[in-house]
Structure formats: C-alpha cells, structure tokens
Protein backbone atom coordinates (compact mmCIF):
# COMPACT_ATOMS: atom_id res chain seq x y z
CA MET A 1 15.55 111.72 24.37
CA HIS A 2 14.24 114.24 22.96
CA LYS A 3 15.95 116.23 19.89
CA GLU A 4 16.95 119.50 22.12
CA SER A 5 18.85 117.39 24.84
CA LEU A 6 20.24 114.46 22.35
CA GLY A 7 21.52 118.44 20.21
CA TYR A 8 23.09 119.55 23.51
CA ALA A 9 24.74 116.38 24.19
CA CYS A 10 25.93 116.36 21.28
CA GLN A 11 27.51 119.47 21.35
CA LEU A 12 28.67 118.75 24.94
CA PHE A 13 30.61 115.88 23.90
CA GLY A 14 31.85 116.87 20.78
CA VAL A 15 29.84 114.93 18.34
CA ASP A 16 28.18 115.74 15.03
CA ARG A 17 24.79 114.74 14.99
CA GLN A 18 24.71 113.55 11.61
CA VAL A 19 27.54 111.30 12.59
CA TYR A 20 25.55 109.67 15.65
CA TYR A 21 22.12 109.03 13.81
CA ARG A 22 24.90 106.74 11.41
CA SER A 23 25.79 105.02 14.07
CA VAL A 24 22.74 104.00 15.30
CA LYS A 25 21.12 103.28 12.18
CA ARG A 26 24.35 100.69 11.84
CA GLY A 27 23.78 99.35 15.08
CA ASN A 28 20.32 98.66 14.02
CA ILE A 29 21.12 97.27 10.81
CA LYS A 30 23.45 94.86 12.20
CA ARG A 31 21.22 93.90 14.98
CA ASP A 32 18.71 93.16 12.95
CA LYS A 33 20.85 91.09 10.51
CA ALA A 34 22.06 89.18 13.97
CA GLU A 35 18.34 88.55 14.36
CA LYS A 36 17.58 87.17 11.27
CA VAL A 37 20.57 84.54 11.11
CA VAL A 38 19.38 83.66 14.86
CA ALA A 39 16.35 83.12 13.42
CA MET A 40 17.62 80.74 10.46
CA VAL A 41 19.94 79.16 12.44
CA THR A 42 16.92 77.82 14.75
CA GLU A 43 14.76 76.80 12.73
CA LEU A 44 17.52 74.58 10.79
CA ARG A 45 18.22 73.10 14.10
CA GLN A 46 14.47 72.01 14.69
CA MET A 47 15.32 69.56 11.91
CA MET A 48 18.88 68.86 12.97
CA PRO A 49 18.96 69.81 16.81
CA CYS A 50 23.43 69.67 16.79
CA LEU A 51 24.45 70.58 13.47
CA GLY A 52 27.20 72.38 13.37
CA GLY A 53 28.31 76.08 11.76
CA ARG A 54 30.70 74.57 9.31
CA LYS A 55 27.53 72.61 7.90
CA MET A 56 25.47 75.44 8.89
CA TYR A 57 26.78 77.79 7.01
CA TYR A 58 27.48 75.71 4.06
CA LEU A 59 22.98 75.15 4.22
CA LEU A 60 22.51 78.65 4.63
CA GLN A 61 25.27 80.66 2.45
CA ALA A 62 23.07 82.25 0.11
CA GLN A 63 20.71 83.82 2.12
CA LEU A 64 23.99 84.71 4.12
CA GLU A 65 25.46 86.50 0.89
CA GLY A 66 22.06 88.21 0.46
CA LEU A 67 22.21 89.96 3.73
CA PHE A 68 26.33 90.18 2.75
CA ILE A 69 26.98 88.03 6.20
CA GLY A 70 30.86 86.19 5.37
CA ARG A 71 31.68 82.93 7.41
CA ASP A 72 33.76 84.54 9.82
CA LYS A 73 30.77 87.14 11.21
CA PHE A 74 28.63 84.04 11.03
CA PHE A 75 30.11 82.41 13.39
CA ALA A 76 30.62 85.47 15.70
CA ILE A 77 27.23 85.50 15.60
CA LEU A 78 27.05 81.93 16.47
CA LYS A 79 29.10 82.44 19.28
CA ALA A 80 27.34 85.86 20.54
CA ASN A 81 24.74 83.86 20.82
CA HIS A 82 26.03 80.76 22.33
CA LEU A 83 24.56 78.33 19.46
CA LEU A 84 28.56 77.04 18.76
CA ILE A 85 28.53 73.43 19.07
CA VAL A 86 30.81 71.48 21.75
CA PRO A 87 30.99 67.75 20.70
CA LYS A 88 30.56 65.37 23.50
CA ARG A 89 31.64 62.09 23.35
CA THR A 90 29.90 58.48 24.71
CA TYR A 91 30.90 55.06 25.35
CA HIS A 92 29.03 51.84 25.83
CA VAL A 93 30.78 48.07 25.14
CA THR A 94 28.07 46.09 22.65
CA THR A 95 30.91 43.89 20.87
CA ASN A 96 31.54 39.98 22.47
CA SER A 97 34.20 38.50 21.01
CA MET A 98 35.04 35.97 22.86
CA HIS A 99 32.87 33.24 21.14
CA HIS A 100 33.35 30.28 19.54
CA PHE A 101 31.95 31.36 15.74
CA LYS A 102 34.26 31.86 12.97
CA LYS A 103 36.34 35.59 13.10
CA HIS A 104 36.57 36.72 9.53
CA ASP A 105 39.58 38.43 8.31
CA ASN A 106 39.95 42.02 7.39
CA LEU A 107 39.73 42.86 3.08
CA LEU A 108 39.51 46.08 3.62
CA ILE A 109 43.15 46.66 4.17
CA ASN A 110 44.55 47.00 0.95
CA ILE A 111 40.75 48.02 -0.82
CA THR A 112 40.63 51.41 -2.81
CA ILE A 113 36.90 52.38 -1.86
CA GLU A 114 35.71 53.62 -5.45
CA ARG A 115 31.90 53.45 -5.47
CA PRO A 116 29.05 52.73 -3.76
CA ASN A 117 28.06 49.46 -2.78
CA GLN A 118 31.23 48.09 -2.76
CA VAL A 119 31.42 48.27 0.83
CA TRP A 120 29.08 48.29 3.63
CA VAL A 121 30.03 48.85 7.28
CA ALA A 122 28.20 46.95 9.89
CA ASP A 123 27.76 48.35 13.68
CA ILE A 124 25.50 48.09 16.92
CA THR A 125 25.35 51.30 19.41
CA TYR A 126 23.77 51.59 22.17
CA ILE A 127 20.99 54.51 22.38
CA GLY A 128 19.21 53.74 25.85
CA LYS A 129 19.06 54.24 29.46
CA ARG A 130 19.80 51.81 32.15
CA THR A 131 16.21 50.95 33.35
CA ASN A 132 15.19 50.85 29.14
CA PRO A 133 18.05 49.20 27.39
CA ILE A 134 18.02 50.10 23.53
CA TYR A 135 20.47 49.42 20.95
CA LEU A 136 20.43 50.22 17.51
CA SER A 137 21.79 48.10 14.26
CA LEU A 138 23.66 50.37 11.44
CA ILE A 139 24.26 48.84 7.94
CA THR A 140 26.25 52.30 6.75
CA ASP A 141 27.91 52.49 2.98
CA ALA A 142 31.22 53.38 3.16
CA TYR A 143 31.72 55.59 -0.18
CA SER A 144 28.35 57.46 0.58
CA LYS A 145 27.95 57.10 4.34
CA LYS A 146 24.34 56.63 3.85
CA ILE A 147 22.98 54.16 5.85
CA VAL A 148 21.46 51.95 4.03
CA GLY A 149 19.51 49.80 6.90
CA TYR A 150 18.69 49.81 10.62
CA TYR A 151 16.94 48.36 13.54
CA VAL A 152 16.09 49.10 16.55
CA ALA A 153 15.14 46.19 19.38
CA GLY A 154 15.51 46.37 23.32
CA ASN A 155 18.33 43.35 22.85
CA LEU A 156 21.53 42.54 21.32
CA SER A 157 20.16 39.50 19.56
CA THR A 158 21.81 38.29 15.88
CA GLU A 159 18.39 38.35 14.69
CA SER A 160 17.97 41.94 15.02
CA SER A 161 21.36 42.67 13.31
CA VAL A 162 20.12 40.60 10.80
CA LEU A 163 16.73 42.41 10.15
CA ALA A 164 19.40 45.77 9.32
CA LEU A 165 20.74 43.75 6.94
CA LYS A 166 17.89 42.58 5.04
CA MET A 167 17.07 46.23 4.96
CA ALA A 168 19.80 47.05 3.47
CA LEU A 169 19.66 44.14 0.46
CA LYS A 170 16.57 45.45 -0.23
CA GLU A 171 17.99 48.98 -1.39
CA ARG A 172 20.74 47.54 -3.23
CA LYS A 173 20.03 47.50 -6.84
CA ASP A 174 23.32 45.69 -8.64
CA LYS A 175 23.49 43.11 -7.51
CA SER A 176 25.83 41.45 -9.65
CA GLU A 177 28.69 43.84 -8.83
CA SER A 178 30.46 42.77 -5.52
CA LEU A 179 29.93 43.80 -2.29
CA VAL A 180 32.11 43.75 0.92
CA HIS A 181 30.64 43.82 4.37
CA HIS A 182 32.71 45.00 7.10
CA SER A 183 32.15 44.73 11.04
CA ASP A 184 33.68 43.97 14.23
CA ARG A 185 33.90 40.35 15.77
CA GLY A 186 30.87 40.55 17.54
CA ILE A 187 29.28 37.32 18.28
CA GLN A 188 25.70 38.91 16.23
CA TYR A 189 27.94 39.22 12.61
CA CYS A 190 29.81 35.58 13.30
CA ALA A 191 26.76 33.82 13.89
CA ASP A 192 25.68 31.21 11.47
CA ALA A 193 22.21 33.39 11.19
CA TYR A 194 23.85 36.01 9.85
CA GLN A 195 26.36 34.63 7.79
CA GLU A 196 23.86 32.36 6.16
CA VAL A 197 22.35 35.73 4.73
CA LEU A 198 26.17 36.84 3.53
CA GLN A 199 26.49 33.79 1.56
CA LYS A 200 22.62 33.55 0.27
CA ASN A 201 23.32 37.18 -1.35
CA LYS A 202 27.35 36.22 -2.11
CA ILE A 203 28.38 39.64 0.19
CA LEU A 204 32.14 38.93 1.39
CA CYS A 205 32.46 39.14 5.34
CA SER A 206 35.55 41.34 6.18
CA MET A 207 36.19 42.40 9.94
CA THR A 208 38.27 43.94 12.51
CA GLN A 209 41.52 42.63 13.89
CA ASN A 210 42.46 44.68 16.85
CA SER A 211 40.44 47.34 18.52
CA ASP A 212 41.49 50.15 16.34
CA PRO A 213 38.79 52.35 15.63
CA TYR A 214 40.10 53.28 12.38
CA GLU A 215 39.49 49.71 11.52
CA ASN A 216 35.52 50.60 11.45
CA ALA A 217 36.32 54.33 11.20
CA VAL A 218 32.65 55.08 9.01
CA ALA A 219 30.92 53.12 11.63
CA GLU A 220 32.32 55.11 14.85
CA ARG A 221 31.47 58.51 12.13
CA ILE A 222 28.17 57.62 11.96
CA ASN A 223 27.18 55.94 15.48
CA GLY A 224 28.73 60.20 16.71
CA ILE A 225 26.65 61.93 14.33
CA LEU A 226 23.28 60.44 15.43
CA LYS A 227 23.73 60.71 18.80
CA GLN A 228 25.94 64.29 18.97
CA GLU A 229 23.56 65.96 15.96
CA PHE A 230 20.21 64.16 16.64
CA MET A 231 20.72 63.20 20.45
CA ILE A 232 18.88 59.69 19.43
CA ASP A 233 20.18 58.43 23.02
CA ARG A 234 19.12 61.07 24.96
CA PHE A 235 15.30 60.34 25.52
CA ASP A 236 14.45 57.98 27.82
CA LYS A 237 11.31 57.00 26.01
CA SER A 238 9.30 53.62 24.99
CA LEU A 239 10.46 51.20 22.32
CA GLU A 240 8.33 52.58 19.53
CA THR A 241 8.95 55.94 20.34
CA ILE A 242 12.56 55.59 19.91
CA LYS A 243 11.96 53.66 17.01
CA VAL A 244 9.77 56.39 15.23
CA LEU A 245 12.76 58.85 16.67
CA VAL A 246 15.57 56.54 14.86
CA LYS A 247 13.19 56.82 11.51
CA GLN A 248 13.20 60.50 11.21
CA SER A 249 16.80 61.50 12.44
CA VAL A 250 17.78 58.38 9.55
CA ASP A 251 15.91 60.74 6.66
CA VAL A 252 16.99 63.57 7.92
CA TYR A 253 20.46 62.41 8.15
CA ASN A 254 20.41 60.59 4.58
CA GLU A 255 18.74 63.50 2.85
CA LYS A 256 19.37 66.76 4.28
CA ARG A 257 22.51 66.86 6.51
CA PRO A 258 25.84 67.96 3.98
CA HIS A 259 28.53 65.65 5.12
CA LEU A 260 32.41 66.79 5.24
CA SER A 261 33.69 63.67 4.01
CA ASN A 262 31.13 63.84 0.87
CA TYR A 263 32.22 67.18 -0.05
CA LEU A 264 29.55 68.09 1.88
CA LEU A 265 26.69 66.33 -0.86
CA THR A 266 24.62 64.32 1.34
CA PRO A 267 24.90 60.98 1.70
CA ASN A 268 21.96 60.62 -0.78
CA GLN A 269 23.60 62.93 -3.48
CA MET A 270 26.59 61.14 -2.60
CA HIS A 271 24.93 57.78 -3.05
CA GLN A 272 23.66 58.48 -6.76
CA GLN A 273 27.01 58.31 -8.09
CA ASN A 274 30.52 57.32 -8.23
CA LYS A 275 32.80 59.92 -9.62
CA ILE A 276 33.81 61.28 -7.00
CA LYS A 277 36.82 60.47 -4.90
CA PHE A 278 36.12 58.73 -1.30
CA LYS A 279 37.47 60.90 1.21
CA THR A 280 38.92 57.96 3.56
CA TYR A 281 38.82 58.13 8.11
CA LYS A 282 42.18 56.60 8.20
CA LYS A 283 45.22 57.27 9.89
CA GLN A 284 47.99 58.85 7.82
CA GLN A 285 51.01 56.57 7.96
C-alpha cells in the first residue's frame, strides 16, 4: 500500500499512522521469533522425532530465554504449528510363561533403589511387521533408566536375550556390589542358558508375580519411549537396517534425551552418580 493510500485509510478509520506501524512491527517480530522456534524444534526432532514438549523446552531453554519466550508461549507456538505430540500405545504379546522352568520370586517388593547397577530390568518388545517379525531384547538400569544391553533378532530365542545380558555385563564396572536382575516370567529368562549366566556372575534373579505392568514398569516405560518417540517399530526394513536404527536410537536416548524421572538428566548423566533420589513408577497405595 502506498504511503498516501495508507495515510488516507488511517484517517478514514481513525487510526494513528505511528500506532499502525508499531503494530505491524510487533507482528513481524512475533512471526520471526515463532519461525526461529519452529526451526529449533525441527532440528531437534531430526534426532528425536517424537520428543515431548516439556523435554524440548528444557533442552532449548537457554535459546528461548534469549528470544524472551517463556514456557507458555513456547507451547502456544508448538500448538499453532501442529508440533505437539499425541502419544500412541501399541501392545504385542512377547511373554510365554506357560513352561516347566523354575519361576523366581519378586525381590523388588521391599527393595529401595539407591544406585546404578543395583537393579537391572529385562524385557523383550516387538518392533517388526507381520511379514517381517523383529524383536528387541533390552536390559535397562532401574536407577538411571540407561539401556545397558540390547540385542535385535528375528525370533524370540533365549540366545538373543543372553546376548543382551552379556552386552550389559561388559559395561558393568564394580562387580563386588550386589545386583538384582528383574524380568517377567518368560521362558527366555527362566531357561537354563540364561540362568547359568546370572549364576556365573552372582546376580540375583527376580521375576514379576502377576500381569500388573507396574511390576516391570521401568521396562514398559523404556519400550514406550523407543516406540513412541524414536519410532523404531514403524519401519518395514531388513533386520540389518533395523539393527542400525536401534543402535542410533539407543545412543541418542542414553546420551541426549532428558528423562523426567531423572530430574531431566540424561540416562548417562544419572548413571554416573548415586546421590540423586530414585523416582519410582509404582502406583501410590
């Protein structure tokens, strides 16, 4: 619009020209800030595709403060640009507890978790497709939520779970401290081959006693993060390709992703100390 036409329009509607220019300038500044926020979020989401808003705000807080953008404004920008994440839950049965092997008691009922490598939780989750079944065996440290061992396979064999356990054992430093291994009552964990590895390394065996997911809540939570945020189960690719994807996702999860139950420390950061109080996933009685 030409200045003469703008001046006439301002007079016609009773608007001061300077007020109009200031309003336009504020609008441009807000739009520029929003574009910068979207660019920052997009860059972060390239590494963690479905990272939630609270964790993104934590990671970007210093940059957002430089733009004078607070938490509420940040979430308003996410909502306006359709960048909020709606979690989706999937379920696939991987546990076969109808077997003759010995089933162990739940040793975690009266345990207070106070340090890394005090309790490991093991689980198997399905990440394949109907025509291409793939399973991920995980060993997670209950205190730090760090994934300490994992293995990707095209079957539910005991060997896959053993390989995940052996990976975790390679990273274990102080072997003089007690360690409890907790899992469901699946045949892979009750099998002789798996139990022999636990016994050889003087690790106590603990198992869930019923179908209550809170009995193995840490494992269930990590499974959900890998599927919902890193989308490791969305790709119909070869086993070797999925192995690479899982490795990259686990590395980012351990090293980069702030964890709410770790007071927004990453699993690696939490794993390197033992002073911070452990947050439980258990239901309040």
